[in-house]
Amino acid sequence: MGYRKSSKCVGKTSAGALTEYDSLECARDGARHVKLAYGNDVTPYRCDRCRLWHLAPAGRQTPSSTCHDCAGRDGQPKQAYASEEAAERRAEILRRERLVELTTYCCPHGAGWHLTKG
């Protein structure tokens, strides 16, 4: 099979189960199907929760990596963005979706850029 509805991951706006794909190739096929069938530009991303692939609106994607040197208040590793612009894009998305004010700062360990509430 290659895809199915997730038992772990739900959409932020729909609250419905996300479709999960077994591989990047399957997710790319899914993205092509969505573009042809519905005209929507979506892009695959690897989920931190289930480690499988989902699709997100292309304008919402801000690729990041896990920083193994910095942690948030909750003790979890922080996400690092490759550029200040990428971190700002993610901060703006979260401002709109969660109504939380975030700022960016350069990782003191050189992993990229982080977000903070402070």
PDB file of N, CA and C in Angstrom:
ATOM      1  N   MET A   1       0.853  -1.184   0.000  1.00  0.00           N
ATOM      2  CA  MET A   1       0.000   0.000   0.000  1.00  0.00           C
ATOM      3  C   MET A   1       0.881   1.223   0.000  1.00  0.00           C
ATOM      4  N   GLY A   2       1.136   2.089   0.451  1.00  0.00           N
ATOM      5  CA  GLY A   2       2.011   3.228   0.400  1.00  0.00           C
ATOM      6  C   GLY A   2       1.455   4.394   1.182  1.00  0.00           C
ATOM      7  N   TYR A   3       0.118   4.378   1.396  1.00  0.00           N
ATOM      8  CA  TYR A   3      -0.487   5.464   2.158  1.00  0.00           C
ATOM      9  C   TYR A   3      -1.751   4.981   2.861  1.00  0.00           C
ATOM     10  N   ARG A   4      -2.129   5.707   3.913  1.00  0.00           N
ATOM     11  CA  ARG A   4      -3.324   5.383   4.700  1.00  0.00           C
ATOM     12  C   ARG A   4      -3.603   6.567   5.628  1.00  0.00           C
ATOM     13  N   LYS A   5      -4.737   6.570   6.261  1.00  0.00           N
ATOM     14  CA  LYS A   5      -5.044   7.599   7.262  1.00  0.00           C
ATOM     15  C   LYS A   5      -4.255   7.286   8.528  1.00  0.00           C
ATOM     16  N   SER A   6      -3.715   8.311   9.134  1.00  0.00           N
ATOM     17  CA  SER A   6      -2.891   8.152  10.321  1.00  0.00           C
ATOM     18  C   SER A   6      -3.733   7.867  11.552  1.00  0.00           C
ATOM     19  N   SER A   7      -3.205   7.051  12.430  1.00  0.00           N
ATOM     20  CA  SER A   7      -3.861   6.817  13.722  1.00  0.00           C
ATOM     21  C   SER A   7      -3.281   7.731  14.803  1.00  0.00           C
ATOM     22  N   LYS A   8      -2.213   8.489  14.473  1.00  0.00           N
ATOM     23  CA  LYS A   8      -1.541   9.351  15.446  1.00  0.00           C
ATOM     24  C   LYS A   8      -1.633  10.838  15.133  1.00  0.00           C
ATOM     25  N   CYS A   9      -1.626  11.193  13.851  1.00  0.00           N
ATOM     26  CA  CYS A   9      -1.460  12.593  13.453  1.00  0.00           C
ATOM     27  C   CYS A   9      -2.745  13.169  12.874  1.00  0.00           C
ATOM     28  N   VAL A  10      -3.096  14.377  13.324  1.00  0.00           N
ATOM     29  CA  VAL A  10      -4.294  15.060  12.846  1.00  0.00           C
ATOM     30  C   VAL A  10      -3.916  16.430  12.289  1.00  0.00           C
ATOM     31  N   GLY A  11      -4.752  16.930  11.381  1.00  0.00           N
ATOM     32  CA  GLY A  11      -4.525  18.228  10.771  1.00  0.00           C
ATOM     33  C   GLY A  11      -4.753  19.360  11.767  1.00  0.00           C
ATOM     34  N   LYS A  12      -3.970  20.413  11.646  1.00  0.00           N
ATOM     35  CA  LYS A  12      -4.089  21.553  12.555  1.00  0.00           C
ATOM     36  C   LYS A  12      -5.397  22.316  12.357  1.00  0.00           C
ATOM     37  N   THR A  13      -5.863  22.400  11.122  1.00  0.00           N
ATOM     38  CA  THR A  13      -7.102  23.142  10.873  1.00  0.00           C
ATOM     39  C   THR A  13      -8.321  22.236  10.774  1.00  0.00           C
ATOM     40  N   SER A  14      -8.150  21.051  10.180  1.00  0.00           N
ATOM     41  CA  SER A  14      -9.303  20.161   9.991  1.00  0.00           C
ATOM     42  C   SER A  14      -9.574  19.276  11.199  1.00  0.00           C
ATOM     43  N   ALA A  15      -8.554  19.030  12.001  1.00  0.00           N
ATOM     44  CA  ALA A  15      -8.615  18.103  13.135  1.00  0.00           C
ATOM     45  C   ALA A  15      -8.932  16.680  12.689  1.00  0.00           C
ATOM     46  N   GLY A  16      -8.855  16.421  11.387  1.00  0.00           N
ATOM     47  CA  GLY A  16      -9.057  15.079  10.860  1.00  0.00           C
ATOM     48  C   GLY A  16      -7.722  14.356  10.722  1.00  0.00           C
ATOM     49  N   ALA A  17      -7.791  13.032  10.635  1.00  0.00           N
ATOM     50  CA  ALA A  17      -6.578  12.229  10.485  1.00  0.00           C
ATOM     51  C   ALA A  17      -5.846  12.606   9.211  1.00  0.00           C
ATOM     52  N   LEU A  18      -4.537  12.813   9.330  1.00  0.00           N
ATOM     53  CA  LEU A  18      -3.724  13.104   8.154  1.00  0.00           C
ATOM     54  C   LEU A  18      -3.481  11.819   7.370  1.00  0.00           C
ATOM     55  N   THR A  19      -3.224  11.974   6.088  1.00  0.00           N
ATOM     56  CA  THR A  19      -2.777  10.832   5.293  1.00  0.00           C
ATOM     57  C   THR A  19      -1.292  10.679   5.540  1.00  0.00           C
ATOM     58  N   GLU A  20      -0.858   9.449   5.807  1.00  0.00           N
ATOM     59  CA  GLU A  20       0.559   9.195   6.007  1.00  0.00           C
ATOM     60  C   GLU A  20       1.068   8.318   4.874  1.00  0.00           C
ATOM     61  N   TYR A  21       2.266   8.634   4.423  1.00  0.00           N
ATOM     62  CA  TYR A  21       2.894   7.933   3.306  1.00  0.00           C
ATOM     63  C   TYR A  21       4.123   7.199   3.824  1.00  0.00           C
ATOM     64  N   ASP A  22       4.356   6.005   3.290  1.00  0.00           N
ATOM     65  CA  ASP A  22       5.476   5.179   3.751  1.00  0.00           C
ATOM     66  C   ASP A  22       6.840   5.693   3.308  1.00  0.00           C
ATOM     67  N   SER A  23       6.887   6.451   2.212  1.00  0.00           N
ATOM     68  CA  SER A  23       8.163   6.917   1.684  1.00  0.00           C
ATOM     69  C   SER A  23       7.997   8.304   1.060  1.00  0.00           C
ATOM     70  N   LEU A  24       9.120   8.954   0.852  1.00  0.00           N
ATOM     71  CA  LEU A  24       9.105  10.250   0.186  1.00  0.00           C
ATOM     72  C   LEU A  24       8.544  10.107  -1.226  1.00  0.00           C
ATOM     73  N   GLU A  25       8.917   9.045  -1.913  1.00  0.00           N
ATOM     74  CA  GLU A  25       8.414   8.801  -3.278  1.00  0.00           C
ATOM     75  C   GLU A  25       6.888   8.704  -3.291  1.00  0.00           C
ATOM     76  N   CYS A  26       6.302   7.964  -2.347  1.00  0.00           N
ATOM     77  CA  CYS A  26       4.838   7.858  -2.263  1.00  0.00           C
ATOM     78  C   CYS A  26       4.208   9.219  -1.958  1.00  0.00           C
ATOM     79  N   ALA A  27       4.845   9.980  -1.072  1.00  0.00           N
ATOM     80  CA  ALA A  27       4.314  11.303  -0.718  1.00  0.00           C
ATOM     81  C   ALA A  27       4.385  12.243  -1.920  1.00  0.00           C
ATOM     82  N   ARG A  28       5.455  12.156  -2.698  1.00  0.00           N
ATOM     83  CA  ARG A  28       5.551  12.982  -3.912  1.00  0.00           C
ATOM     84  C   ARG A  28       4.456  12.613  -4.904  1.00  0.00           C
ATOM     85  N   ASP A  29       4.176  11.313  -5.043  1.00  0.00           N
ATOM     86  CA  ASP A  29       3.072  10.878  -5.904  1.00  0.00           C
ATOM     87  C   ASP A  29       1.749  11.453  -5.396  1.00  0.00           C
ATOM     88  N   GLY A  30       1.558  11.431  -4.088  1.00  0.00           N
ATOM     89  CA  GLY A  30       0.355  11.998  -3.490  1.00  0.00           C
ATOM     90  C   GLY A  30       0.241  13.491  -3.766  1.00  0.00           C
ATOM     91  N   ALA A  31       1.350  14.195  -3.676  1.00  0.00           N
ATOM     92  CA  ALA A  31       1.357  15.638  -3.937  1.00  0.00           C
ATOM     93  C   ALA A  31       0.996  15.919  -5.397  1.00  0.00           C
ATOM     94  N   ARG A  32       1.511  15.113  -6.322  1.00  0.00           N
ATOM     95  CA  ARG A  32       1.166  15.279  -7.736  1.00  0.00           C
ATOM     96  C   ARG A  32      -0.323  15.041  -7.963  1.00  0.00           C
ATOM     97  N   HIS A  33      -0.859  14.026  -7.297  1.00  0.00           N
ATOM     98  CA  HIS A  33      -2.292  13.728  -7.413  1.00  0.00           C
ATOM     99  C   HIS A  33      -3.135  14.905  -6.904  1.00  0.00           C
ATOM    100  N   VAL A  34      -2.776  15.452  -5.759  1.00  0.00           N
ATOM    101  CA  VAL A  34      -3.518  16.587  -5.193  1.00  0.00           C
ATOM    102  C   VAL A  34      -3.479  17.779  -6.155  1.00  0.00           C
ATOM    103  N   LYS A  35      -2.315  18.031  -6.760  1.00  0.00           N
ATOM    104  CA  LYS A  35      -2.181  19.146  -7.695  1.00  0.00           C
ATOM    105  C   LYS A  35      -3.086  18.932  -8.913  1.00  0.00           C
ATOM    106  N   LEU A  36      -3.054  17.725  -9.483  1.00  0.00           N
ATOM    107  CA  LEU A  36      -3.864  17.433 -10.679  1.00  0.00           C
ATOM    108  C   LEU A  36      -5.357  17.403 -10.367  1.00  0.00           C
ATOM    109  N   ALA A  37      -5.729  16.780  -9.266  1.00  0.00           N
ATOM    110  CA  ALA A  37      -7.150  16.595  -8.941  1.00  0.00           C
ATOM    111  C   ALA A  37      -7.803  17.848  -8.373  1.00  0.00           C
ATOM    112  N   TYR A  38      -7.059  18.616  -7.578  1.00  0.00           N
ATOM    113  CA  TYR A  38      -7.672  19.737  -6.856  1.00  0.00           C
ATOM    114  C   TYR A  38      -7.022  21.091  -7.135  1.00  0.00           C
ATOM    115  N   GLY A  39      -5.873  21.089  -7.807  1.00  0.00           N
ATOM    116  CA  GLY A  39      -5.188  22.341  -8.106  1.00  0.00           C
ATOM    117  C   GLY A  39      -4.425  22.935  -6.940  1.00  0.00           C
ATOM    118  N   ASN A  40      -4.249  22.176  -5.870  1.00  0.00           N
ATOM    119  CA  ASN A  40      -3.558  22.673  -4.672  1.00  0.00           C
ATOM    120  C   ASN A  40      -2.082  22.294  -4.690  1.00  0.00           C
ATOM    121  N   ASP A  41      -1.217  23.268  -4.386  1.00  0.00           N
ATOM    122  CA  ASP A  41       0.211  22.995  -4.266  1.00  0.00           C
ATOM    123  C   ASP A  41       0.517  22.534  -2.855  1.00  0.00           C
ATOM    124  N   VAL A  42       0.932  21.294  -2.732  1.00  0.00           N
ATOM    125  CA  VAL A  42       1.322  20.739  -1.439  1.00  0.00           C
ATOM    126  C   VAL A  42       2.712  20.138  -1.575  1.00  0.00           C
ATOM    127  N   THR A  43       3.360  19.976  -0.450  1.00  0.00           N
ATOM    128  CA  THR A  43       4.709  19.437  -0.446  1.00  0.00           C
ATOM    129  C   THR A  43       4.849  18.408   0.677  1.00  0.00           C
ATOM    130  N   PRO A  44       5.627  17.355   0.446  1.00  0.00           N
ATOM    131  CA  PRO A  44       5.834  16.347   1.497  1.00  0.00           C
ATOM    132  C   PRO A  44       6.728  16.856   2.618  1.00  0.00           C
ATOM    133  N   TYR A  45       6.479  16.360   3.820  1.00  0.00           N
ATOM    134  CA  TYR A  45       7.386  16.616   4.941  1.00  0.00           C
ATOM    135  C   TYR A  45       7.410  15.384   5.829  1.00  0.00           C
ATOM    136  N   ARG A  46       8.551  15.172   6.468  1.00  0.00           N
ATOM    137  CA  ARG A  46       8.712  14.038   7.379  1.00  0.00           C
ATOM    138  C   ARG A  46       8.222  14.463   8.757  1.00  0.00           C
ATOM    139  N   CYS A  47       7.309  13.691   9.312  1.00  0.00           N
ATOM    140  CA  CYS A  47       6.687  14.018  10.592  1.00  0.00           C
ATOM    141  C   CYS A  47       7.584  13.614  11.763  1.00  0.00           C
ATOM    142  N   ASP A  48       7.762  14.527  12.700  1.00  0.00           N
ATOM    143  CA  ASP A  48       8.556  14.233  13.896  1.00  0.00           C
ATOM    144  C   ASP A  48       7.844  13.253  14.823  1.00  0.00           C
ATOM    145  N   ARG A  49       6.523  13.218  14.762  1.00  0.00           N
ATOM    146  CA  ARG A  49       5.756  12.364  15.659  1.00  0.00           C
ATOM    147  C   ARG A  49       5.759  10.893  15.192  1.00  0.00           C
ATOM    148  N   CYS A  50       5.356  10.660  13.946  1.00  0.00           N
ATOM    149  CA  CYS A  50       5.203   9.271  13.471  1.00  0.00           C
ATOM    150  C   CYS A  50       6.359   8.810  12.601  1.00  0.00           C
ATOM    151  N   ARG A  51       7.237   9.730  12.209  1.00  0.00           N
ATOM    152  CA  ARG A  51       8.407   9.453  11.365  1.00  0.00           C
ATOM    153  C   ARG A  51       8.032   9.024   9.946  1.00  0.00           C
ATOM    154  N   LEU A  52       6.757   9.189   9.564  1.00  0.00           N
ATOM    155  CA  LEU A  52       6.323   8.925   8.195  1.00  0.00           C
ATOM    156  C   LEU A  52       6.169  10.260   7.474  1.00  0.00           C
ATOM    157  N   TRP A  53       5.635  10.243   6.277  1.00  0.00           N
ATOM    158  CA  TRP A  53       5.508  11.442   5.452  1.00  0.00           C
ATOM    159  C   TRP A  53       4.067  11.899   5.376  1.00  0.00           C
ATOM    160  N   HIS A  54       3.849  13.214   5.447  1.00  0.00           N
ATOM    161  CA  HIS A  54       2.538  13.838   5.263  1.00  0.00           C
ATOM    162  C   HIS A  54       2.686  14.918   4.195  1.00  0.00           C
ATOM    163  N   LEU A  55       1.565  15.537   3.826  1.00  0.00           N
ATOM    164  CA  LEU A  55       1.578  16.655   2.884  1.00  0.00           C
ATOM    165  C   LEU A  55       1.105  17.913   3.592  1.00  0.00           C
ATOM    166  N   ALA A  56       1.691  19.044   3.219  1.00  0.00           N
ATOM    167  CA  ALA A  56       1.296  20.337   3.774  1.00  0.00           C
ATOM    168  C   ALA A  56       1.234  21.346   2.637  1.00  0.00           C
ATOM    169  N   PRO A  57       0.425  22.396   2.797  1.00  0.00           N
ATOM    170  CA  PRO A  57       0.421  23.448   1.780  1.00  0.00           C
ATOM    171  C   PRO A  57       1.846  23.949   1.557  1.00  0.00           C
ATOM    172  N   ALA A  58       2.214  24.129   0.300  1.00  0.00           N
ATOM    173  CA  ALA A  58       3.588  24.504  -0.037  1.00  0.00           C
ATOM    174  C   ALA A  58       4.029  25.778   0.673  1.00  0.00           C
ATOM    175  N   GLY A  59       3.146  26.750   0.828  1.00  0.00           N
ATOM    176  CA  GLY A  59       3.509  28.007   1.480  1.00  0.00           C
ATOM    177  C   GLY A  59       3.670  27.906   2.981  1.00  0.00           C
ATOM    178  N   ARG A  60       3.281  26.786   3.572  1.00  0.00           N
ATOM    179  CA  ARG A  60       3.357  26.623   5.021  1.00  0.00           C
ATOM    180  C   ARG A  60       4.628  25.898   5.449  1.00  0.00           C
ATOM    181  N   GLN A  61       5.302  25.257   4.526  1.00  0.00           N
ATOM    182  CA  GLN A  61       6.475  24.458   4.862  1.00  0.00           C
ATOM    183  C   GLN A  61       7.688  25.319   5.168  1.00  0.00           C
ATOM    184  N   THR A  62       8.291  25.069   6.292  1.00  0.00           N
ATOM    185  CA  THR A  62       9.552  25.694   6.688  1.00  0.00           C
ATOM    186  C   THR A  62      10.441  24.586   7.236  1.00  0.00           C
ATOM    187  N   PRO A  63      11.214  23.946   6.364  1.00  0.00           N
ATOM    188  CA  PRO A  63      12.042  22.821   6.799  1.00  0.00           C
ATOM    189  C   PRO A  63      12.949  23.186   7.969  1.00  0.00           C
ATOM    190  N   SER A  64      13.090  22.244   8.874  1.00  0.00           N
ATOM    191  CA  SER A  64      13.942  22.448  10.043  1.00  0.00           C
ATOM    192  C   SER A  64      14.631  21.139  10.382  1.00  0.00           C
ATOM    193  N   SER A  65      15.566  21.234  11.291  1.00  0.00           N
ATOM    194  CA  SER A  65      16.246  20.046  11.805  1.00  0.00           C
ATOM    195  C   SER A  65      16.260  20.140  13.322  1.00  0.00           C
ATOM    196  N   THR A  66      16.551  19.051  13.966  1.00  0.00           N
ATOM    197  CA  THR A  66      16.610  19.039  15.425  1.00  0.00           C
ATOM    198  C   THR A  66      17.988  19.492  15.883  1.00  0.00           C
ATOM    199  N   CYS A  67      18.027  20.459  16.778  1.00  0.00           N
ATOM    200  CA  CYS A  67      19.280  20.917  17.374  1.00  0.00           C
ATOM    201  C   CYS A  67      19.530  20.055  18.616  1.00  0.00           C
ATOM    202  N   HIS A  68      20.644  19.377  18.638  1.00  0.00           N
ATOM    203  CA  HIS A  68      20.933  18.478  19.760  1.00  0.00           C
ATOM    204  C   HIS A  68      21.652  19.173  20.908  1.00  0.00           C
ATOM    205  N   ASP A  69      21.870  20.489  20.757  1.00  0.00           N
ATOM    206  CA  ASP A  69      22.550  21.246  21.805  1.00  0.00           C
ATOM    207  C   ASP A  69      21.633  22.179  22.584  1.00  0.00           C
ATOM    208  N   CYS A  70      20.462  22.523  21.996  1.00  0.00           N
ATOM    209  CA  CYS A  70      19.562  23.487  22.640  1.00  0.00           C
ATOM    210  C   CYS A  70      18.216  22.836  22.952  1.00  0.00           C
ATOM    211  N   ALA A  71      17.652  23.187  24.097  1.00  0.00           N
ATOM    212  CA  ALA A  71      16.358  22.647  24.497  1.00  0.00           C
ATOM    213  C   ALA A  71      15.428  23.783  24.895  1.00  0.00           C
ATOM    214  N   GLY A  72      14.133  23.553  24.729  1.00  0.00           N
ATOM    215  CA  GLY A  72      13.129  24.521  25.146  1.00  0.00           C
ATOM    216  C   GLY A  72      12.832  24.390  26.624  1.00  0.00           C
ATOM    217  N   ARG A  73      11.905  25.188  27.095  1.00  0.00           N
ATOM    218  CA  ARG A  73      11.503  25.147  28.516  1.00  0.00           C
ATOM    219  C   ARG A  73      10.987  23.784  28.926  1.00  0.00           C
ATOM    220  N   ASP A  74      10.418  23.065  27.956  1.00  0.00           N
ATOM    221  CA  ASP A  74       9.869  21.733  28.232  1.00  0.00           C
ATOM    222  C   ASP A  74      10.930  20.641  28.232  1.00  0.00           C
ATOM    223  N   GLY A  75      12.181  21.027  27.962  1.00  0.00           N
ATOM    224  CA  GLY A  75      13.273  20.055  27.953  1.00  0.00           C
ATOM    225  C   GLY A  75      13.450  19.346  26.622  1.00  0.00           C
ATOM    226  N   GLN A  76      12.570  19.592  25.673  1.00  0.00           N
ATOM    227  CA  GLN A  76      12.652  18.953  24.362  1.00  0.00           C
ATOM    228  C   GLN A  76      13.658  19.705  23.484  1.00  0.00           C
ATOM    229  N   PRO A  77      14.347  18.983  22.586  1.00  0.00           N
ATOM    230  CA  PRO A  77      15.290  19.655  21.685  1.00  0.00           C
ATOM    231  C   PRO A  77      14.574  20.708  20.835  1.00  0.00           C
ATOM    232  N   LYS A  78      15.255  21.810  20.586  1.00  0.00           N
ATOM    233  CA  LYS A  78      14.690  22.873  19.752  1.00  0.00           C
ATOM    234  C   LYS A  78      14.855  22.527  18.278  1.00  0.00           C
ATOM    235  N   GLN A  79      13.969  23.088  17.466  1.00  0.00           N
ATOM    236  CA  GLN A  79      14.101  22.981  16.021  1.00  0.00           C
ATOM    237  C   GLN A  79      15.024  24.099  15.564  1.00  0.00           C
ATOM    238  N   ALA A  80      15.849  23.804  14.573  1.00  0.00           N
ATOM    239  CA  ALA A  80      16.763  24.787  14.005  1.00  0.00           C
ATOM    240  C   ALA A  80      16.380  25.013  12.544  1.00  0.00           C
ATOM    241  N   TYR A  81      16.324  26.266  12.152  1.00  0.00           N
ATOM    242  CA  TYR A  81      15.997  26.655  10.784  1.00  0.00           C
ATOM    243  C   TYR A  81      17.272  27.125  10.110  1.00  0.00           C
ATOM    244  N   ALA A  82      17.424  26.834   8.826  1.00  0.00           N
ATOM    245  CA  ALA A  82      18.669  27.095   8.114  1.00  0.00           C
ATOM    246  C   ALA A  82      18.999  28.571   7.990  1.00  0.00           C
ATOM    247  N   SER A  83      17.996  29.424   8.003  1.00  0.00           N
ATOM    248  CA  SER A  83      18.246  30.859   7.854  1.00  0.00           C
ATOM    249  C   SER A  83      17.315  31.655   8.762  1.00  0.00           C
ATOM    250  N   GLU A  84      17.669  32.904   8.964  1.00  0.00           N
ATOM    251  CA  GLU A  84      16.813  33.784   9.754  1.00  0.00           C
ATOM    252  C   GLU A  84      15.459  33.954   9.060  1.00  0.00           C
ATOM    253  N   GLU A  85      15.476  34.022   7.730  1.00  0.00           N
ATOM    254  CA  GLU A  85      14.237  34.170   6.968  1.00  0.00           C
ATOM    255  C   GLU A  85      13.314  32.973   7.163  1.00  0.00           C
ATOM    256  N   ALA A  86      13.874  31.767   7.147  1.00  0.00           N
ATOM    257  CA  ALA A  86      13.070  30.554   7.359  1.00  0.00           C
ATOM    258  C   ALA A  86      12.471  30.553   8.768  1.00  0.00           C
ATOM    259  N   ALA A  87      13.258  30.953   9.757  1.00  0.00           N
ATOM    260  CA  ALA A  87      12.759  31.015  11.134  1.00  0.00           C
ATOM    261  C   ALA A  87      11.654  32.063  11.250  1.00  0.00           C
ATOM    262  N   GLU A  88      11.829  33.200  10.578  1.00  0.00           N
ATOM    263  CA  GLU A  88      10.797  34.244  10.592  1.00  0.00           C
ATOM    264  C   GLU A  88       9.500  33.756   9.940  1.00  0.00           C
ATOM    265  N   ARG A  89       9.620  33.007   8.839  1.00  0.00           N
ATOM    266  CA  ARG A  89       8.421  32.449   8.191  1.00  0.00           C
ATOM    267  C   ARG A  89       7.675  31.532   9.147  1.00  0.00           C
ATOM    268  N   ARG A  90       8.403  30.662   9.853  1.00  0.00           N
ATOM    269  CA  ARG A  90       7.761  29.747  10.808  1.00  0.00           C
ATOM    270  C   ARG A  90       7.127  30.544  11.944  1.00  0.00           C
ATOM    271  N   ALA A  91       7.816  31.558  12.449  1.00  0.00           N
ATOM    272  CA  ALA A  91       7.274  32.388  13.532  1.00  0.00           C
ATOM    273  C   ALA A  91       5.978  33.054  13.095  1.00  0.00           C
ATOM    274  N   GLU A  92       5.932  33.546  11.864  1.00  0.00           N
ATOM    275  CA  GLU A  92       4.723  34.196  11.354  1.00  0.00           C
ATOM    276  C   GLU A  92       3.572  33.199  11.234  1.00  0.00           C
ATOM    277  N   ILE A  93       3.850  32.005  10.755  1.00  0.00           N
ATOM    278  CA  ILE A  93       2.816  30.961  10.670  1.00  0.00           C
ATOM    279  C   ILE A  93       2.258  30.667  12.055  1.00  0.00           C
ATOM    280  N   LEU A  94       3.120  30.518  13.040  1.00  0.00           N
ATOM    281  CA  LEU A  94       2.676  30.208  14.400  1.00  0.00           C
ATOM    282  C   LEU A  94       1.952  31.384  15.040  1.00  0.00           C
ATOM    283  N   ARG A  95       2.338  32.601  14.700  1.00  0.00           N
ATOM    284  CA  ARG A  95       1.605  33.778  15.197  1.00  0.00           C
ATOM    285  C   ARG A  95       0.153  33.725  14.718  1.00  0.00           C
ATOM    286  N   ARG A  96      -0.018  33.436  13.430  1.00  0.00           N
ATOM    287  CA  ARG A  96      -1.367  33.380  12.859  1.00  0.00           C
ATOM    288  C   ARG A  96      -2.173  32.203  13.414  1.00  0.00           C
ATOM    289  N   GLU A  97      -1.556  31.026  13.483  1.00  0.00           N
ATOM    290  CA  GLU A  97      -2.289  29.817  13.874  1.00  0.00           C
ATOM    291  C   GLU A  97      -2.522  29.704  15.370  1.00  0.00           C
ATOM    292  N   ARG A  98      -1.552  30.089  16.163  1.00  0.00           N
ATOM    293  CA  ARG A  98      -1.635  29.876  17.612  1.00  0.00           C
ATOM    294  C   ARG A  98      -1.727  31.164  18.416  1.00  0.00           C
ATOM    295  N   LEU A  99      -1.682  32.288  17.712  1.00  0.00           N
ATOM    296  CA  LEU A  99      -1.757  33.602  18.362  1.00  0.00           C
ATOM    297  C   LEU A  99      -0.699  33.760  19.453  1.00  0.00           C
ATOM    298  N   VAL A 100       0.510  33.308  19.147  1.00  0.00           N
ATOM    299  CA  VAL A 100       1.619  33.414  20.094  1.00  0.00           C
ATOM    300  C   VAL A 100       2.706  34.283  19.456  1.00  0.00           C
ATOM    301  N   GLU A 101       3.281  35.168  20.237  1.00  0.00           N
ATOM    302  CA  GLU A 101       4.316  36.081  19.742  1.00  0.00           C
ATOM    303  C   GLU A 101       5.680  35.419  19.904  1.00  0.00           C
ATOM    304  N   LEU A 102       6.386  35.234  18.798  1.00  0.00           N
ATOM    305  CA  LEU A 102       7.688  34.580  18.812  1.00  0.00           C
ATOM    306  C   LEU A 102       8.733  35.484  18.170  1.00  0.00           C
ATOM    307  N   THR A 103       9.957  35.331  18.613  1.00  0.00           N
ATOM    308  CA  THR A 103      11.080  36.014  17.984  1.00  0.00           C
ATOM    309  C   THR A 103      12.114  34.969  17.590  1.00  0.00           C
ATOM    310  N   THR A 104      13.053  35.370  16.762  1.00  0.00           N
ATOM    311  CA  THR A 104      14.099  34.452  16.310  1.00  0.00           C
ATOM    312  C   THR A 104      15.435  34.851  16.922  1.00  0.00           C
ATOM    313  N   TYR A 105      16.325  33.874  17.029  1.00  0.00           N
ATOM    314  CA  TYR A 105      17.692  34.162  17.465  1.00  0.00           C
ATOM    315  C   TYR A 105      18.632  33.118  16.891  1.00  0.00           C
ATOM    316  N   CYS A 106      19.860  33.515  16.720  1.00  0.00           N
ATOM    317  CA  CYS A 106      20.879  32.631  16.159  1.00  0.00           C
ATOM    318  C   CYS A 106      21.314  31.606  17.223  1.00  0.00           C
ATOM    319  N   CYS A 107      21.376  30.344  16.829  1.00  0.00           N
ATOM    320  CA  CYS A 107      21.794  29.276  17.752  1.00  0.00           C
ATOM    321  C   CYS A 107      23.230  29.526  18.217  1.00  0.00           C
ATOM    322  N   PRO A 108      23.469  29.513  19.519  1.00  0.00           N
ATOM    323  CA  PRO A 108      24.830  29.745  20.014  1.00  0.00           C
ATOM    324  C   PRO A 108      25.794  28.613  19.660  1.00  0.00           C
ATOM    325  N   HIS A 109      25.249  27.480  19.175  1.00  0.00           N
ATOM    326  CA  HIS A 109      26.087  26.329  18.814  1.00  0.00           C
ATOM    327  C   HIS A 109      26.231  26.182  17.302  1.00  0.00           C
ATOM    328  N   GLY A 110      25.702  27.137  16.559  1.00  0.00           N
ATOM    329  CA  GLY A 110      25.877  27.132  15.116  1.00  0.00           C
ATOM    330  C   GLY A 110      24.936  26.225  14.335  1.00  0.00           C
ATOM    331  N   ALA A 111      23.839  25.795  14.958  1.00  0.00           N
ATOM    332  CA  ALA A 111      22.915  24.872  14.277  1.00  0.00           C
ATOM    333  C   ALA A 111      21.932  25.592  13.357  1.00  0.00           C
ATOM    334  N   GLY A 112      21.886  26.917  13.392  1.00  0.00           N
ATOM    335  CA  GLY A 112      20.943  27.668  12.570  1.00  0.00           C
ATOM    336  C   GLY A 112      20.248  28.730  13.400  1.00  0.00           C
ATOM    337  N   TRP A 113      18.930  28.840  13.229  1.00  0.00           N
ATOM    338  CA  TRP A 113      18.123  29.845  13.920  1.00  0.00           C
ATOM    339  C   TRP A 113      17.006  29.166  14.680  1.00  0.00           C
ATOM    340  N   HIS A 114      16.708  29.681  15.880  1.00  0.00           N
ATOM    341  CA  HIS A 114      15.663  29.138  16.739  1.00  0.00           C
ATOM    342  C   HIS A 114      14.558  30.162  16.935  1.00  0.00           C
ATOM    343  N   LEU A 115      13.444  29.688  17.512  1.00  0.00           N
ATOM    344  CA  LEU A 115      12.315  30.538  17.904  1.00  0.00           C
ATOM    345  C   LEU A 115      12.242  30.574  19.425  1.00  0.00           C
ATOM    346  N   THR A 116      11.782  31.682  19.949  1.00  0.00           N
ATOM    347  CA  THR A 116      11.578  31.786  21.398  1.00  0.00           C
ATOM    348  C   THR A 116      10.411  32.706  21.690  1.00  0.00           C
ATOM    349  N   LYS A 117       9.757  32.454  22.801  1.00  0.00           N
ATOM    350  CA  LYS A 117       8.688  33.340  23.250  1.00  0.00           C
ATOM    351  C   LYS A 117       9.248  34.579  23.924  1.00  0.00           C
ATOM    352  N   GLY A 118      10.470  34.481  24.407  1.00  0.00           N
ATOM    353  CA  GLY A 118      11.094  35.598  25.116  1.00  0.00           C
ATOM    354  C   GLY A 118      11.608  36.573  24.154  1.00  0.00           C
TER     355      GLY A 118
END
